[in-house]
Amino acid sequence: MIDSHQGLPHEAADSITKPFARFLKIEAAAGGLLLAAVMLALGLANSPWQEGFLRFWETPIGLTFGSLDFTRSLRHWINDGLMTLFFFVLSLELKRELVLGELSYVSAHGTV
């Protein structure tokens, strides 16, 4: 089914990604959430609970199957997850620009 607003086919993943995308479009909400997380992390890292906070980030999490070990620190999993999310959002934005945006056509002079 084609969504008349965007010109792209409606996918099952839209039910998951649309609320997330709506939240990200509210720049003040996303910025406020980021600022709150940074302030909390800075406060904990410079507080008497510093050792526990740093130990928490180094908590090993993962799976082990015989000789295969997929255990990494919590910090490692979060860093990899956020990097994956970043490139996912970046690729979605690039696809949108190539399909519907300013990158969807080439002008007669060879510039976009």
C-alpha atoms as a PDB file:
ATOM      1  CA  MET A   1       0.000   0.000   0.000  1.00  0.00           C
ATOM      2  CA  ILE A   2       1.364   3.436  -0.949  1.00  0.00           C
ATOM      3  CA  ASP A   3       1.200   6.210   1.643  1.00  0.00           C
ATOM      4  CA  SER A   4      -0.153   9.250  -0.219  1.00  0.00           C
ATOM      5  CA  HIS A   5       1.717  11.660   2.061  1.00  0.00           C
ATOM      6  CA  GLN A   6       5.208  10.341   1.373  1.00  0.00           C
ATOM      7  CA  GLY A   7       4.971   8.390  -1.867  1.00  0.00           C
ATOM      8  CA  LEU A   8       6.734   5.422  -0.256  1.00  0.00           C
ATOM      9  CA  PRO A   9       5.247   1.961   0.413  1.00  0.00           C
ATOM     10  CA  HIS A  10       3.834   1.391   3.910  1.00  0.00           C
ATOM     11  CA  GLU A  11       5.902  -1.158   5.802  1.00  0.00           C
ATOM     12  CA  ALA A  12       5.215  -3.100   8.988  1.00  0.00           C
ATOM     13  CA  ALA A  13       8.291  -1.449  10.514  1.00  0.00           C
ATOM     14  CA  ASP A  14       6.534   1.935  10.234  1.00  0.00           C
ATOM     15  CA  SER A  15       4.458   1.112  13.316  1.00  0.00           C
ATOM     16  CA  ILE A  16       7.712   0.979  15.294  1.00  0.00           C
ATOM     17  CA  THR A  17       9.717   3.706  13.612  1.00  0.00           C
ATOM     18  CA  LYS A  18       7.034   6.400  13.269  1.00  0.00           C
ATOM     19  CA  PRO A  19       6.655   7.132  17.014  1.00  0.00           C
ATOM     20  CA  PHE A  20      10.440   7.158  17.368  1.00  0.00           C
ATOM     21  CA  ALA A  21      10.815   9.475  14.366  1.00  0.00           C
ATOM     22  CA  ARG A  22       8.082  11.756  15.725  1.00  0.00           C
ATOM     23  CA  PHE A  23       9.977  12.057  19.015  1.00  0.00           C
ATOM     24  CA  LEU A  24      13.235  12.830  17.218  1.00  0.00           C
ATOM     25  CA  LYS A  25      11.546  15.574  15.183  1.00  0.00           C
ATOM     26  CA  ILE A  26      10.761  17.396  18.408  1.00  0.00           C
ATOM     27  CA  GLU A  27      14.265  18.801  18.723  1.00  0.00           C
ATOM     28  CA  ALA A  28      13.616  20.361  22.112  1.00  0.00           C
ATOM     29  CA  ALA A  29      12.536  17.004  23.582  1.00  0.00           C
ATOM     30  CA  ALA A  30      15.521  15.137  22.158  1.00  0.00           C
ATOM     31  CA  GLY A  31      17.907  17.900  23.236  1.00  0.00           C
ATOM     32  CA  GLY A  32      16.371  18.021  26.713  1.00  0.00           C
ATOM     33  CA  LEU A  33      16.684  14.253  27.089  1.00  0.00           C
ATOM     34  CA  LEU A  34      20.320  14.381  25.996  1.00  0.00           C
ATOM     35  CA  LEU A  35      21.082  17.274  28.360  1.00  0.00           C
ATOM     36  CA  ALA A  36      19.459  15.441  31.291  1.00  0.00           C
ATOM     37  CA  ALA A  37      21.460  12.276  30.569  1.00  0.00           C
ATOM     38  CA  VAL A  38      24.718  14.231  30.352  1.00  0.00           C
ATOM     39  CA  MET A  39      24.022  16.092  33.591  1.00  0.00           C
ATOM     40  CA  LEU A  40      23.156  12.857  35.396  1.00  0.00           C
ATOM     41  CA  ALA A  41      26.299  11.107  34.110  1.00  0.00           C
ATOM     42  CA  LEU A  42      28.530  14.061  35.031  1.00  0.00           C
ATOM     43  CA  GLY A  43      26.957  14.265  38.462  1.00  0.00           C
ATOM     44  CA  LEU A  44      27.423  10.552  39.149  1.00  0.00           C
ATOM     45  CA  ALA A  45      30.977  10.477  37.761  1.00  0.00           C
ATOM     46  CA  ASN A  46      31.989  13.313  40.107  1.00  0.00           C
ATOM     47  CA  SER A  47      30.117  12.156  43.190  1.00  0.00           C
ATOM     48  CA  PRO A  48      30.976   9.863  46.095  1.00  0.00           C
ATOM     49  CA  TRP A  49      29.244   7.090  44.102  1.00  0.00           C
ATOM     50  CA  GLN A  50      31.874   7.385  41.355  1.00  0.00           C
ATOM     51  CA  GLU A  51      33.427   3.943  41.920  1.00  0.00           C
ATOM     52  CA  GLY A  52      30.085   2.149  41.773  1.00  0.00           C
ATOM     53  CA  PHE A  53      29.048   4.130  38.707  1.00  0.00           C
ATOM     54  CA  LEU A  54      32.242   3.223  36.853  1.00  0.00           C
ATOM     55  CA  ARG A  55      31.983  -0.430  37.936  1.00  0.00           C
ATOM     56  CA  PHE A  56      28.415  -0.461  36.615  1.00  0.00           C
ATOM     57  CA  TRP A  57      29.656   0.525  33.123  1.00  0.00           C
ATOM     58  CA  GLU A  58      32.228  -2.273  33.193  1.00  0.00           C
ATOM     59  CA  THR A  59      29.653  -4.944  34.126  1.00  0.00           C
ATOM     60  CA  PRO A  60      30.138  -7.882  31.759  1.00  0.00           C
ATOM     61  CA  ILE A  61      27.018  -8.813  29.776  1.00  0.00           C
ATOM     62  CA  GLY A  62      26.711 -11.407  27.063  1.00  0.00           C
ATOM     63  CA  LEU A  63      26.357 -15.031  26.106  1.00  0.00           C
ATOM     64  CA  THR A  64      28.750 -17.958  26.171  1.00  0.00           C
ATOM     65  CA  PHE A  65      28.277 -21.057  24.019  1.00  0.00           C
ATOM     66  CA  GLY A  66      31.036 -23.548  24.783  1.00  0.00           C
ATOM     67  CA  SER A  67      34.248 -21.939  23.562  1.00  0.00           C
ATOM     68  CA  LEU A  68      32.421 -18.986  21.932  1.00  0.00           C
ATOM     69  CA  ASP A  69      32.239 -15.986  24.229  1.00  0.00           C
ATOM     70  CA  PHE A  70      30.084 -12.962  23.335  1.00  0.00           C
ATOM     71  CA  THR A  71      30.609 -11.167  26.644  1.00  0.00           C
ATOM     72  CA  ARG A  72      31.468  -7.475  26.595  1.00  0.00           C
ATOM     73  CA  SER A  73      31.108  -4.612  29.065  1.00  0.00           C
ATOM     74  CA  LEU A  74      27.856  -2.681  29.307  1.00  0.00           C
ATOM     75  CA  ARG A  75      29.732   0.361  27.973  1.00  0.00           C
ATOM     76  CA  HIS A  76      30.790  -1.628  24.899  1.00  0.00           C
ATOM     77  CA  TRP A  77      27.231  -2.836  24.141  1.00  0.00           C
ATOM     78  CA  ILE A  78      25.782   0.661  24.549  1.00  0.00           C
ATOM     79  CA  ASN A  79      28.479   2.294  22.410  1.00  0.00           C
ATOM     80  CA  ASP A  80      27.967  -0.271  19.638  1.00  0.00           C
ATOM     81  CA  GLY A  81      24.170   0.014  19.891  1.00  0.00           C
ATOM     82  CA  LEU A  82      24.185   3.804  19.699  1.00  0.00           C
ATOM     83  CA  MET A  83      26.611   3.743  16.774  1.00  0.00           C
ATOM     84  CA  THR A  84      24.299   1.298  14.989  1.00  0.00           C
ATOM     85  CA  LEU A  85      21.299   3.528  15.707  1.00  0.00           C
ATOM     86  CA  PHE A  86      23.186   6.580  14.433  1.00  0.00           C
ATOM     87  CA  PHE A  87      24.060   4.965  11.104  1.00  0.00           C
ATOM     88  CA  PHE A  88      20.527   3.541  10.791  1.00  0.00           C
ATOM     89  CA  VAL A  89      18.979   7.008  11.170  1.00  0.00           C
ATOM     90  CA  LEU A  90      21.616   8.486   8.846  1.00  0.00           C
ATOM     91  CA  SER A  91      20.835   5.912   6.141  1.00  0.00           C
ATOM     92  CA  LEU A  92      17.081   6.518   6.498  1.00  0.00           C
ATOM     93  CA  GLU A  93      17.608  10.254   6.040  1.00  0.00           C
ATOM     94  CA  LEU A  94      19.870   9.680   3.034  1.00  0.00           C
ATOM     95  CA  LYS A  95      17.330   7.327   1.441  1.00  0.00           C
ATOM     96  CA  ARG A  96      14.554   9.868   1.980  1.00  0.00           C
ATOM     97  CA  GLU A  97      16.598  12.619   0.332  1.00  0.00           C
ATOM     98  CA  LEU A  98      17.499  10.356  -2.607  1.00  0.00           C
ATOM     99  CA  VAL A  99      13.880   9.230  -3.134  1.00  0.00           C
ATOM    100  CA  LEU A 100      11.855  12.332  -2.285  1.00  0.00           C
ATOM    101  CA  GLY A 101      14.182  15.164  -1.355  1.00  0.00           C
ATOM    102  CA  GLU A 102      16.619  17.507  -2.993  1.00  0.00           C
ATOM    103  CA  LEU A 103      18.881  14.647  -4.098  1.00  0.00           C
ATOM    104  CA  SER A 104      16.108  12.973  -6.107  1.00  0.00           C
ATOM    105  CA  TYR A 105      16.863  14.852  -9.330  1.00  0.00           C
ATOM    106  CA  VAL A 106      19.874  16.116 -11.251  1.00  0.00           C
ATOM    107  CA  SER A 107      19.720  19.523 -12.851  1.00  0.00           C
ATOM    108  CA  ALA A 108      20.667  20.245 -16.471  1.00  0.00           C
ATOM    109  CA  HIS A 109      24.000  21.766 -15.414  1.00  0.00           C
ATOM    110  CA  GLY A 110      25.208  18.621 -13.669  1.00  0.00           C
ATOM    111  CA  THR A 111      24.760  19.972 -10.154  1.00  0.00           C
ATOM    112  CA  VAL A 112      22.230  18.829  -7.659  1.00  0.00           C
END
